[in-house]
Every structure is written in C-alpha cells, then in structure tokens.
N, C-alpha and C. Protein backbone atom coordinates (compact mmCIF):
# COMPACT_ATOMS: atom_id res chain seq x y z
N MET A 1 109.15 -25.01 87.19
CA MET A 1 107.82 -25.02 87.19
C MET A 1 107.53 -23.58 88.02
N SER A 2 106.80 -22.68 87.40
CA SER A 2 106.24 -22.01 88.11
C SER A 2 105.16 -21.99 89.09
N GLU A 3 105.07 -21.12 89.99
CA GLU A 3 103.90 -21.30 91.10
C GLU A 3 102.48 -21.30 90.56
N LEU A 4 102.57 -20.44 89.37
CA LEU A 4 100.87 -20.33 88.56
C LEU A 4 100.91 -21.90 87.89
N HIS A 5 101.75 -22.24 87.33
CA HIS A 5 101.84 -23.64 86.70
C HIS A 5 101.40 -24.85 87.52
N ALA A 6 102.05 -24.58 88.98
CA ALA A 6 102.02 -25.64 89.85
C ALA A 6 100.43 -25.65 90.16
N LEU A 7 99.97 -24.48 90.33
CA LEU A 7 98.31 -24.28 90.96
C LEU A 7 97.40 -24.73 89.90
N ILE A 8 97.82 -24.40 88.44
CA ILE A 8 97.22 -25.10 87.47
C ILE A 8 96.87 -26.35 87.32
N GLU A 9 97.96 -27.08 87.69
CA GLU A 9 98.23 -28.64 87.54
C GLU A 9 97.36 -29.19 88.62
N ARG A 10 97.15 -28.64 89.86
CA ARG A 10 96.49 -29.15 90.98
C ARG A 10 94.84 -29.26 91.06
N TYR A 11 94.68 -30.22 91.30
CA TYR A 11 93.21 -30.83 91.60
C TYR A 11 92.89 -31.28 92.79
N ALA A 12 91.75 -31.02 93.45
CA ALA A 12 91.51 -31.55 94.81
C ALA A 12 91.19 -33.14 94.65
N GLN A 13 90.50 -33.54 93.55
CA GLN A 13 90.10 -34.98 93.46
C GLN A 13 90.04 -35.20 92.11
N PRO A 14 90.21 -36.54 91.62
CA PRO A 14 89.57 -36.67 90.14
C PRO A 14 88.11 -36.52 90.08
N GLY A 15 87.84 -36.27 88.90
CA GLY A 15 86.32 -36.32 88.54
C GLY A 15 85.73 -37.74 88.25
N ARG A 16 84.35 -37.78 88.11
CA ARG A 16 83.82 -38.98 87.87
C ARG A 16 82.48 -39.09 86.74
N VAL A 17 82.42 -39.95 86.12
CA VAL A 17 81.49 -40.01 85.05
C VAL A 17 80.22 -40.28 85.90
N GLU A 18 79.17 -39.34 85.79
CA GLU A 18 77.78 -39.62 86.74
C GLU A 18 76.84 -40.17 85.48
N ALA A 19 77.02 -39.90 84.24
CA ALA A 19 76.06 -40.42 83.31
C ALA A 19 76.62 -40.44 82.07
N ILE A 20 75.99 -41.31 81.26
CA ILE A 20 76.31 -41.25 79.77
C ILE A 20 75.02 -41.25 78.84
N LEU A 21 74.89 -40.36 78.07
CA LEU A 21 73.40 -39.95 77.39
C LEU A 21 73.69 -39.98 75.87
N LEU A 22 73.24 -40.93 75.37
CA LEU A 22 73.15 -40.99 73.87
C LEU A 22 71.96 -40.60 73.27
N ARG A 23 72.21 -39.80 72.17
CA ARG A 23 71.08 -39.43 71.27
C ARG A 23 71.23 -40.08 70.06
N PRO A 24 70.46 -41.23 69.49
CA PRO A 24 70.45 -42.04 68.31
C PRO A 24 70.31 -41.20 67.11
N GLU A 25 69.60 -39.95 67.14
CA GLU A 25 69.40 -39.31 66.00
C GLU A 25 69.04 -37.83 66.62
N ARG A 26 69.22 -36.87 65.57
CA ARG A 26 68.91 -35.39 66.06
C ARG A 26 67.38 -35.21 66.58
N LEU A 27 67.35 -34.45 67.60
CA LEU A 27 66.22 -34.27 68.42
C LEU A 27 65.63 -35.40 69.22
N ALA A 28 66.20 -36.46 68.99
CA ALA A 28 65.76 -37.93 69.86
C ALA A 28 65.88 -37.65 71.29
N VAL A 29 65.08 -38.22 72.25
CA VAL A 29 65.41 -37.97 73.40
C VAL A 29 66.63 -38.96 73.93
N PRO A 30 67.34 -38.32 74.82
CA PRO A 30 68.73 -38.93 75.10
C PRO A 30 68.41 -40.54 75.98
N VAL A 31 69.42 -41.45 75.64
CA VAL A 31 69.07 -42.79 76.36
C VAL A 31 70.42 -42.67 77.36
N SER A 32 69.88 -43.16 78.56
CA SER A 32 71.06 -43.32 79.20
C SER A 32 71.57 -44.60 79.19
N VAL A 33 73.02 -44.94 79.17
CA VAL A 33 73.91 -46.17 79.36
C VAL A 33 74.87 -46.21 80.17
N THR A 34 75.15 -47.42 80.56
CA THR A 34 76.03 -47.76 81.58
C THR A 34 77.54 -47.73 80.96
N ARG A 35 77.70 -47.96 79.75
CA ARG A 35 79.06 -48.08 79.08
C ARG A 35 78.83 -47.56 77.69
N ALA A 36 80.05 -47.18 76.97
CA ALA A 36 79.85 -46.76 75.50
C ALA A 36 81.31 -46.84 74.98
N ASP A 37 81.37 -47.07 73.75
CA ASP A 37 82.58 -46.83 73.04
C ASP A 37 82.78 -45.49 72.32
N ILE A 38 84.04 -44.97 72.57
CA ILE A 38 84.25 -43.75 71.93
C ILE A 38 85.24 -44.16 70.49
N THR A 39 85.19 -43.52 69.56
CA THR A 39 85.89 -43.86 68.31
C THR A 39 86.50 -42.33 67.98
N ALA A 40 87.27 -42.02 67.01
CA ALA A 40 87.86 -41.10 66.54
C ALA A 40 86.52 -39.95 66.25
N ASP A 41 85.48 -40.64 65.81
CA ASP A 41 84.32 -39.69 65.40
C ASP A 41 83.40 -39.43 66.76
N GLY A 42 83.61 -40.08 67.72
CA GLY A 42 82.49 -39.65 68.69
C GLY A 42 81.98 -41.01 69.56
N ILE A 43 81.10 -40.85 70.13
CA ILE A 43 80.56 -41.98 71.06
C ILE A 43 79.52 -42.77 70.05
N VAL A 44 80.01 -43.92 69.83
CA VAL A 44 79.03 -45.23 69.15
C VAL A 44 77.80 -44.84 69.49
N GLY A 45 76.76 -44.71 68.83
CA GLY A 45 75.26 -44.65 69.13
C GLY A 45 74.95 -43.53 69.35
N ASP A 46 75.79 -42.33 69.28
CA ASP A 46 75.27 -41.00 69.41
C ASP A 46 74.99 -40.46 68.18
N HIS A 47 74.45 -39.51 67.61
CA HIS A 47 74.10 -38.71 66.41
C HIS A 47 75.57 -37.84 66.08
N GLY A 48 76.24 -37.46 67.11
CA GLY A 48 76.85 -36.34 67.12
C GLY A 48 77.81 -36.22 65.89
N ARG A 49 78.60 -35.08 65.87
CA ARG A 49 79.67 -34.71 64.85
C ARG A 49 81.04 -34.94 65.11
N PRO A 50 81.98 -35.40 64.25
CA PRO A 50 83.34 -35.43 64.61
C PRO A 50 84.02 -34.26 64.85
N GLY A 51 85.33 -34.39 65.11
CA GLY A 51 86.12 -32.95 65.19
C GLY A 51 86.21 -32.56 66.73
N LYS A 52 86.02 -31.11 66.75
CA LYS A 52 86.28 -30.52 68.10
C LYS A 52 84.96 -30.67 68.89
N HIS A 53 83.81 -31.06 68.13
CA HIS A 53 82.54 -31.20 68.82
C HIS A 53 82.19 -32.84 69.03
N ALA A 54 83.15 -33.58 69.08
CA ALA A 54 82.87 -35.18 68.83
C ALA A 54 82.28 -35.77 69.81
N VAL A 55 82.47 -35.14 71.32
CA VAL A 55 81.94 -35.27 72.59
C VAL A 55 81.61 -34.29 73.18
N THR A 56 80.60 -34.17 74.09
CA THR A 56 80.06 -33.02 74.86
C THR A 56 79.89 -33.49 76.33
N LEU A 57 80.37 -32.76 77.07
CA LEU A 57 80.49 -32.79 78.67
C LEU A 57 79.77 -31.73 79.14
N ILE A 58 79.21 -31.96 80.52
CA ILE A 58 78.33 -30.98 81.33
C ILE A 58 78.95 -31.29 82.77
N GLN A 59 78.94 -30.18 83.30
CA GLN A 59 79.05 -30.27 85.18
C GLN A 59 78.05 -30.72 85.69
N ALA A 60 78.15 -31.74 86.37
CA ALA A 60 76.91 -32.25 87.12
C ALA A 60 76.51 -31.25 88.26
N GLU A 61 77.42 -30.50 88.72
CA GLU A 61 77.14 -29.40 89.67
C GLU A 61 76.59 -28.30 89.15
N HIS A 62 76.45 -28.15 87.88
CA HIS A 62 75.90 -26.75 87.54
C HIS A 62 74.27 -26.95 87.34
N LEU A 63 73.77 -28.58 87.53
CA LEU A 63 72.44 -28.63 87.12
C LEU A 63 71.53 -27.93 88.31
N PRO A 64 71.88 -28.19 89.48
CA PRO A 64 71.20 -27.42 90.54
C PRO A 64 71.25 -26.19 90.29
N VAL A 65 72.21 -25.53 90.02
CA VAL A 65 72.41 -23.97 89.70
C VAL A 65 71.39 -23.46 88.74
N ILE A 66 71.42 -23.95 87.56
CA ILE A 66 70.37 -23.88 86.47
C ILE A 66 69.06 -23.80 87.26
N GLY A 67 68.60 -25.01 87.75
CA GLY A 67 67.41 -25.16 88.36
C GLY A 67 67.09 -23.87 89.23
N ALA A 68 67.92 -23.60 90.11
CA ALA A 68 67.94 -22.44 91.13
C ALA A 68 67.49 -21.23 90.33
N MET A 69 68.13 -20.93 89.10
CA MET A 69 68.09 -19.62 88.48
C MET A 69 66.59 -19.46 87.92
N LEU A 70 65.87 -20.81 87.61
CA LEU A 70 64.64 -20.90 87.07
C LEU A 70 63.70 -21.24 88.26
N ASP A 71 64.20 -21.18 89.49
CA ASP A 71 63.09 -21.20 90.90
C ASP A 71 62.40 -22.87 90.39
N GLN A 72 63.42 -23.56 90.17
CA GLN A 72 62.86 -25.23 89.75
C GLN A 72 64.14 -26.03 90.66
N PRO A 73 63.95 -27.29 90.87
CA PRO A 73 64.68 -28.07 91.50
C PRO A 73 65.80 -28.52 90.58
N ALA A 74 66.88 -28.97 90.74
CA ALA A 74 67.93 -29.38 89.56
C ALA A 74 67.43 -29.81 88.23
N ILE A 75 67.91 -29.43 87.02
CA ILE A 75 67.50 -29.89 85.93
C ILE A 75 68.02 -31.19 85.84
N ASP A 76 67.24 -31.96 84.76
CA ASP A 76 67.51 -33.22 84.30
C ASP A 76 68.71 -33.04 83.30
N ALA A 77 69.77 -33.80 83.49
CA ALA A 77 70.82 -33.62 82.64
C ALA A 77 70.66 -33.95 81.03
N SER A 78 69.45 -34.98 80.63
CA SER A 78 69.09 -35.24 79.52
C SER A 78 68.59 -34.03 78.76
N VAL A 79 68.03 -33.13 79.40
CA VAL A 79 67.31 -31.69 78.79
C VAL A 79 68.62 -31.04 78.33
N GLN A 80 69.77 -31.09 78.49
CA GLN A 80 70.86 -30.15 77.99
C GLN A 80 71.41 -30.80 76.76
N ARG A 81 71.04 -32.12 76.57
CA ARG A 81 71.46 -32.85 75.41
C ARG A 81 73.07 -33.10 75.27
N ARG A 82 73.68 -33.09 76.59
CA ARG A 82 75.02 -33.46 76.46
C ARG A 82 75.37 -34.86 76.81
N GLU A 83 76.33 -35.46 76.29
CA GLU A 83 76.82 -36.74 76.37
C GLU A 83 77.19 -37.32 77.54
N LEU A 84 78.28 -36.69 78.16
CA LEU A 84 78.84 -37.05 79.33
C LEU A 84 78.42 -36.11 80.62
N VAL A 85 78.15 -36.44 81.68
CA VAL A 85 77.75 -35.52 83.02
C VAL A 85 78.82 -35.86 83.93
N ILE A 86 79.88 -34.93 84.20
CA ILE A 86 80.79 -35.12 84.80
C ILE A 86 80.62 -34.33 86.35
N SER A 87 81.21 -35.04 87.35
CA SER A 87 81.02 -34.69 88.66
C SER A 87 82.33 -34.32 89.42
N ARG A 88 82.61 -33.49 90.30
CA ARG A 88 83.93 -33.68 91.36
C ARG A 88 85.04 -32.69 90.74
N LEU A 89 85.12 -32.40 89.37
CA LEU A 89 86.23 -31.76 88.50
C LEU A 89 85.67 -30.41 87.97
N ASN A 90 86.31 -29.26 88.16
CA ASN A 90 85.98 -28.30 87.71
C ASN A 90 86.31 -28.20 86.03
N LEU A 91 85.37 -28.46 85.19
CA LEU A 91 85.92 -28.70 83.53
C LEU A 91 85.95 -27.25 83.31
N ASN A 92 85.37 -26.09 83.79
CA ASN A 92 85.88 -24.76 83.28
C ASN A 92 87.23 -24.56 83.37
N ALA A 93 88.00 -25.21 84.26
CA ALA A 93 89.34 -25.01 84.46
C ALA A 93 90.35 -25.94 83.57
N LEU A 94 89.42 -26.56 82.30
CA LEU A 94 90.29 -27.57 81.42
C LEU A 94 90.34 -27.19 80.17
N LYS A 95 90.07 -26.07 79.83
CA LYS A 95 90.00 -25.81 78.39
C LYS A 95 91.46 -25.99 77.89
N GLY A 96 91.40 -26.82 76.75
CA GLY A 96 92.53 -27.28 76.12
C GLY A 96 93.32 -28.33 76.71
N ARG A 97 92.92 -28.85 77.66
CA ARG A 97 93.67 -29.96 78.61
C ARG A 97 92.95 -31.26 78.07
N GLN A 98 93.70 -32.21 78.24
CA GLN A 98 93.47 -33.42 77.90
C GLN A 98 92.92 -34.53 79.18
N LEU A 99 91.90 -35.25 78.93
CA LEU A 99 91.16 -35.96 80.25
C LEU A 99 91.15 -37.28 79.93
N GLN A 100 91.58 -38.32 80.70
CA GLN A 100 91.70 -39.64 80.60
C GLN A 100 90.27 -40.14 81.34
N ILE A 101 89.50 -40.81 80.64
CA ILE A 101 88.07 -41.12 80.95
C ILE A 101 88.10 -42.67 80.44
N GLY A 102 88.07 -43.69 81.37
CA GLY A 102 88.09 -44.90 81.06
C GLY A 102 89.49 -45.33 80.31
N GLN A 103 89.05 -46.01 79.12
CA GLN A 103 90.44 -45.97 78.32
C GLN A 103 90.34 -45.06 77.19
N ALA A 104 89.76 -44.04 77.24
CA ALA A 104 89.80 -43.00 75.93
C ALA A 104 90.28 -41.82 76.68
N VAL A 105 90.81 -40.90 75.81
CA VAL A 105 91.45 -39.88 76.14
C VAL A 105 90.90 -38.57 75.23
N LEU A 106 90.30 -37.69 76.00
CA LEU A 106 89.64 -36.56 75.15
C LEU A 106 90.39 -35.19 75.44
N GLU A 107 90.16 -34.10 74.53
CA GLU A 107 90.86 -32.85 74.85
C GLU A 107 89.58 -31.79 74.58
N ILE A 108 89.54 -31.09 75.79
CA ILE A 108 88.51 -30.11 75.73
C ILE A 108 88.84 -29.18 75.05
N THR A 109 87.83 -28.69 74.00
CA THR A 109 88.05 -27.67 72.95
C THR A 109 87.61 -26.41 72.88
N THR A 110 86.34 -26.45 73.29
CA THR A 110 85.30 -25.21 73.22
C THR A 110 84.11 -25.25 74.00
N ILE A 111 83.70 -24.20 74.44
CA ILE A 111 82.29 -24.03 75.24
C ILE A 111 81.18 -24.51 74.27
N CYS A 112 80.32 -25.06 75.07
CA CYS A 112 79.17 -25.89 74.28
C CYS A 112 78.07 -24.95 74.72
N ALA A 113 77.69 -23.77 74.14
CA ALA A 113 76.56 -22.87 74.13
C ALA A 113 75.25 -23.38 74.17
N PRO A 114 74.27 -22.85 74.91
CA PRO A 114 73.09 -23.44 74.77
C PRO A 114 72.48 -23.12 73.55
N CYS A 115 71.30 -24.11 73.02
CA CYS A 115 70.52 -23.38 71.72
C CYS A 115 69.43 -22.95 72.45
N SER A 116 68.52 -22.56 71.43
CA SER A 116 67.20 -22.02 71.59
C SER A 116 66.37 -23.03 72.18
N ARG A 117 66.44 -24.09 71.94
CA ARG A 117 65.58 -25.25 72.45
C ARG A 117 65.42 -25.05 73.94
N MET A 118 66.66 -24.66 74.83
CA MET A 118 66.55 -24.40 76.14
C MET A 118 65.34 -23.86 76.60
N GLU A 119 64.84 -22.67 75.97
CA GLU A 119 63.99 -21.95 76.25
C GLU A 119 62.56 -22.56 76.26
N ALA A 120 62.18 -23.52 75.29
CA ALA A 120 61.23 -24.39 75.23
C ALA A 120 61.28 -25.55 76.28
N ALA A 121 62.45 -26.02 76.47
CA ALA A 121 62.69 -27.21 77.41
C ALA A 121 62.74 -26.88 78.71
N LEU A 122 63.08 -25.75 79.30
CA LEU A 122 63.17 -25.04 80.56
C LEU A 122 62.13 -24.10 81.01
N GLY A 123 61.36 -23.68 79.89
CA GLY A 123 60.79 -22.53 80.12
C GLY A 123 61.04 -21.05 80.01
N PRO A 124 60.52 -20.13 80.57
CA PRO A 124 60.92 -18.81 79.89
C PRO A 124 62.27 -18.39 80.92
N GLY A 125 63.09 -17.97 80.33
CA GLY A 125 64.52 -17.54 81.09
C GLY A 125 65.51 -18.86 81.08
N GLY A 126 64.95 -20.05 80.19
CA GLY A 126 65.65 -21.21 80.16
C GLY A 126 67.19 -20.99 79.40
N TYR A 127 67.02 -20.24 78.20
CA TYR A 127 68.30 -19.96 77.49
C TYR A 127 69.27 -19.23 78.41
N SER A 128 68.83 -18.17 79.18
CA SER A 128 69.64 -17.43 79.67
C SER A 128 70.29 -18.08 80.83
N ALA A 129 69.33 -18.81 81.44
CA ALA A 129 69.97 -19.57 82.92
C ALA A 129 71.20 -20.63 82.49
N MET A 130 71.16 -21.10 81.31
CA MET A 130 71.86 -22.04 80.83
C MET A 130 73.26 -21.18 80.46
N ARG A 131 73.37 -20.14 80.11
CA ARG A 131 74.68 -19.35 79.72
C ARG A 131 75.74 -19.56 80.62
N GLY A 132 76.73 -19.98 80.35
CA GLY A 132 77.80 -20.27 81.26
C GLY A 132 78.07 -21.65 81.74
N HIS A 133 76.78 -22.40 81.62
CA HIS A 133 76.43 -23.64 82.32
C HIS A 133 76.13 -24.59 81.26
N GLY A 134 76.55 -24.30 80.04
CA GLY A 134 76.08 -25.33 78.94
C GLY A 134 76.93 -26.43 78.77
N GLY A 135 78.15 -26.38 79.37
CA GLY A 135 79.11 -27.46 79.22
C GLY A 135 80.17 -27.15 78.10
N TRP A 136 80.90 -28.30 77.73
CA TRP A 136 82.26 -28.22 76.92
C TRP A 136 82.28 -29.19 75.84
N CYS A 137 82.82 -28.80 74.69
CA CYS A 137 82.92 -30.20 73.74
C CYS A 137 84.33 -30.44 73.66
N ALA A 138 84.51 -31.56 73.13
CA ALA A 138 85.88 -32.25 73.07
C ALA A 138 86.18 -32.87 71.90
N ASN A 139 87.32 -33.19 71.54
CA ASN A 139 87.63 -33.77 70.61
C ASN A 139 88.39 -35.21 71.13
N VAL A 140 88.27 -36.38 70.18
CA VAL A 140 88.77 -37.52 70.72
C VAL A 140 90.34 -37.55 70.31
N VAL A 141 91.04 -37.99 71.49
CA VAL A 141 92.66 -37.97 71.34
C VAL A 141 93.06 -39.39 70.92
N LYS A 142 92.32 -40.39 71.97
CA LYS A 142 92.55 -41.69 71.96
C LYS A 142 91.04 -42.36 71.94
N PRO A 143 90.84 -43.19 71.24
CA PRO A 143 89.49 -43.85 71.28
C PRO A 143 89.67 -45.19 72.43
N GLY A 144 88.44 -45.61 73.01
CA GLY A 144 88.30 -46.14 74.01
C GLY A 144 87.04 -46.51 74.57
N GLU A 145 86.81 -47.57 75.42
CA GLU A 145 85.58 -47.65 76.23
C GLU A 145 85.53 -46.90 77.54
N ILE A 146 84.28 -46.34 77.83
CA ILE A 146 84.14 -45.43 78.85
C ILE A 146 82.93 -46.29 79.60
N LYS A 147 82.90 -46.02 81.10
CA LYS A 147 81.69 -46.42 81.73
C LYS A 147 81.32 -45.44 82.69
N GLN A 148 79.93 -45.46 83.09
CA GLN A 148 79.57 -44.81 84.02
C GLN A 148 80.24 -45.11 85.44
N CYS A 149 80.57 -44.15 86.28
CA CYS A 149 81.38 -43.95 87.39
C CYS A 149 82.81 -44.22 87.19
N ASP A 150 83.28 -44.09 85.98
CA ASP A 150 84.79 -44.26 85.68
C ASP A 150 85.33 -42.80 86.20
N THR A 151 86.62 -42.96 86.67
CA THR A 151 87.49 -41.56 87.12
C THR A 151 87.57 -40.91 85.85
N VAL A 152 87.56 -39.51 85.99
CA VAL A 152 88.20 -38.71 85.05
C VAL A 152 89.29 -37.82 85.53
N THR A 153 90.54 -37.86 84.72
CA THR A 153 91.48 -37.53 85.27
C THR A 153 92.40 -36.53 84.13
N PRO A 154 92.66 -35.16 84.64
CA PRO A 154 93.47 -34.42 83.73
C PRO A 154 94.85 -34.87 83.51
N LEU A 155 95.24 -34.85 82.37
CA LEU A 155 96.47 -35.38 82.10
C LEU A 155 97.57 -33.96 82.21
N ALA A 156 98.59 -34.39 82.53
CA ALA A 156 99.76 -33.24 82.48
C ALA A 156 99.95 -32.51 81.53
N VAL A 157 100.36 -31.24 81.64
CA VAL A 157 100.40 -30.24 80.69
C VAL A 157 101.64 -30.65 80.24
N LYS A 158 102.09 -30.70 78.95
CA LYS A 158 103.41 -30.97 78.28
C LYS A 158 103.95 -29.49 78.38
N PRO A 159 105.19 -29.60 78.86
CA PRO A 159 105.76 -28.25 78.86
C PRO A 159 106.22 -27.75 77.39
N ASN A 160 105.93 -26.30 77.06
CA ASN A 160 106.23 -25.60 75.87
C ASN A 160 107.80 -25.49 75.62
N LEU A 161 108.56 -26.42 74.93
CA LEU A 161 110.01 -26.06 74.80
C LEU A 161 110.38 -25.09 74.17
N ASN A 162 109.55 -24.34 73.31
CA ASN A 162 109.79 -23.21 72.69
C ASN A 162 109.74 -22.13 73.54
N SER A 163 109.17 -22.24 74.83
CA SER A 163 108.87 -20.63 75.47
C SER A 163 110.19 -20.07 76.05
N ASP A 164 110.13 -18.88 76.12
CA ASP A 164 111.28 -18.27 77.02
C ASP A 164 111.00 -17.88 78.13
N ALA A 165 109.68 -18.33 78.37
CA ALA A 165 109.13 -18.19 80.08
C ALA A 165 110.03 -18.96 80.94
C-alpha cells in the first residue's frame, strides 16, 4: 500500500448522523425524524429520486460557515433540503467511497450543487455562499434502517487488481 493510499484511508474519527430530514413532496418543508428506512430508491417517505441522487448528505460543520458568509448565525439544515446531516467526517474526501450508516451502505457519487431557491431562502448572496458547501448525492448500495446518532464509517477501498501501480 502506498503512503498516499494509507493517508487517504485514514480518518480521525467516524462520522455521526446529526439529523434525518424528509421532504414528503417537492417544495414541502422538510420534516425531522429520528429513524428512516433506506430502499434501493432512496429514503422511504422522501420524494427524492432514485439512482446516483437517491440520498443527499450535507456536512454539519459547513452550516456555520455558510451563515458566516451571509453575516448570519449557522443556517438551519432544513433550508438546504438535504436528507442527512453528517458531522465529524469530511464528506469532501469521500467522493466515490462507500459509507456504512446504520444498516445501510451508501456510495458518494456527485456534488449536490445549490439551486436558485437558496437566494430566496437565505437572502442576497445565498446561492454564492452555498457553492462548495451544498453537500453530496449518494446512491444506495445496501438498503437498511438508519437512525439519528448512527455512526458513519467509510468502508475500505477495494484494491484495483488491474492496476500496474
């Protein structure tokens, strides 16, 4: 294992699910729940779409950063319309990685860019403040139950046996 690969695999601590927010229909106010079931299509009770955007995650530590850029306190996670609020683990370092959350396994697929509604929700500059802090989308590798306060653990990267490196 290369030194860089070893560094990529190392995390200071596991993450934690701080909140689970469901949107029962498009544009609905998110509802906070303490547990949820994840199926192959996403979180039961959420209107989201299946595939690489089945579940959305946001970094809890980014909420006060966005607020600071807007000269406000930390913004409420429900404003961003992401389903899972995760703390203690750098989601930006996990693109393409699988995460064990409760009984479920998710794979981080793509950045979740802010939408134009952020300008109205957060005020002038809201869209720009969210850029780079909008969270991540994930597909479902293994369905299962998740709960608030569950541990979020990155799974080991499988070695590429076809690589010459």
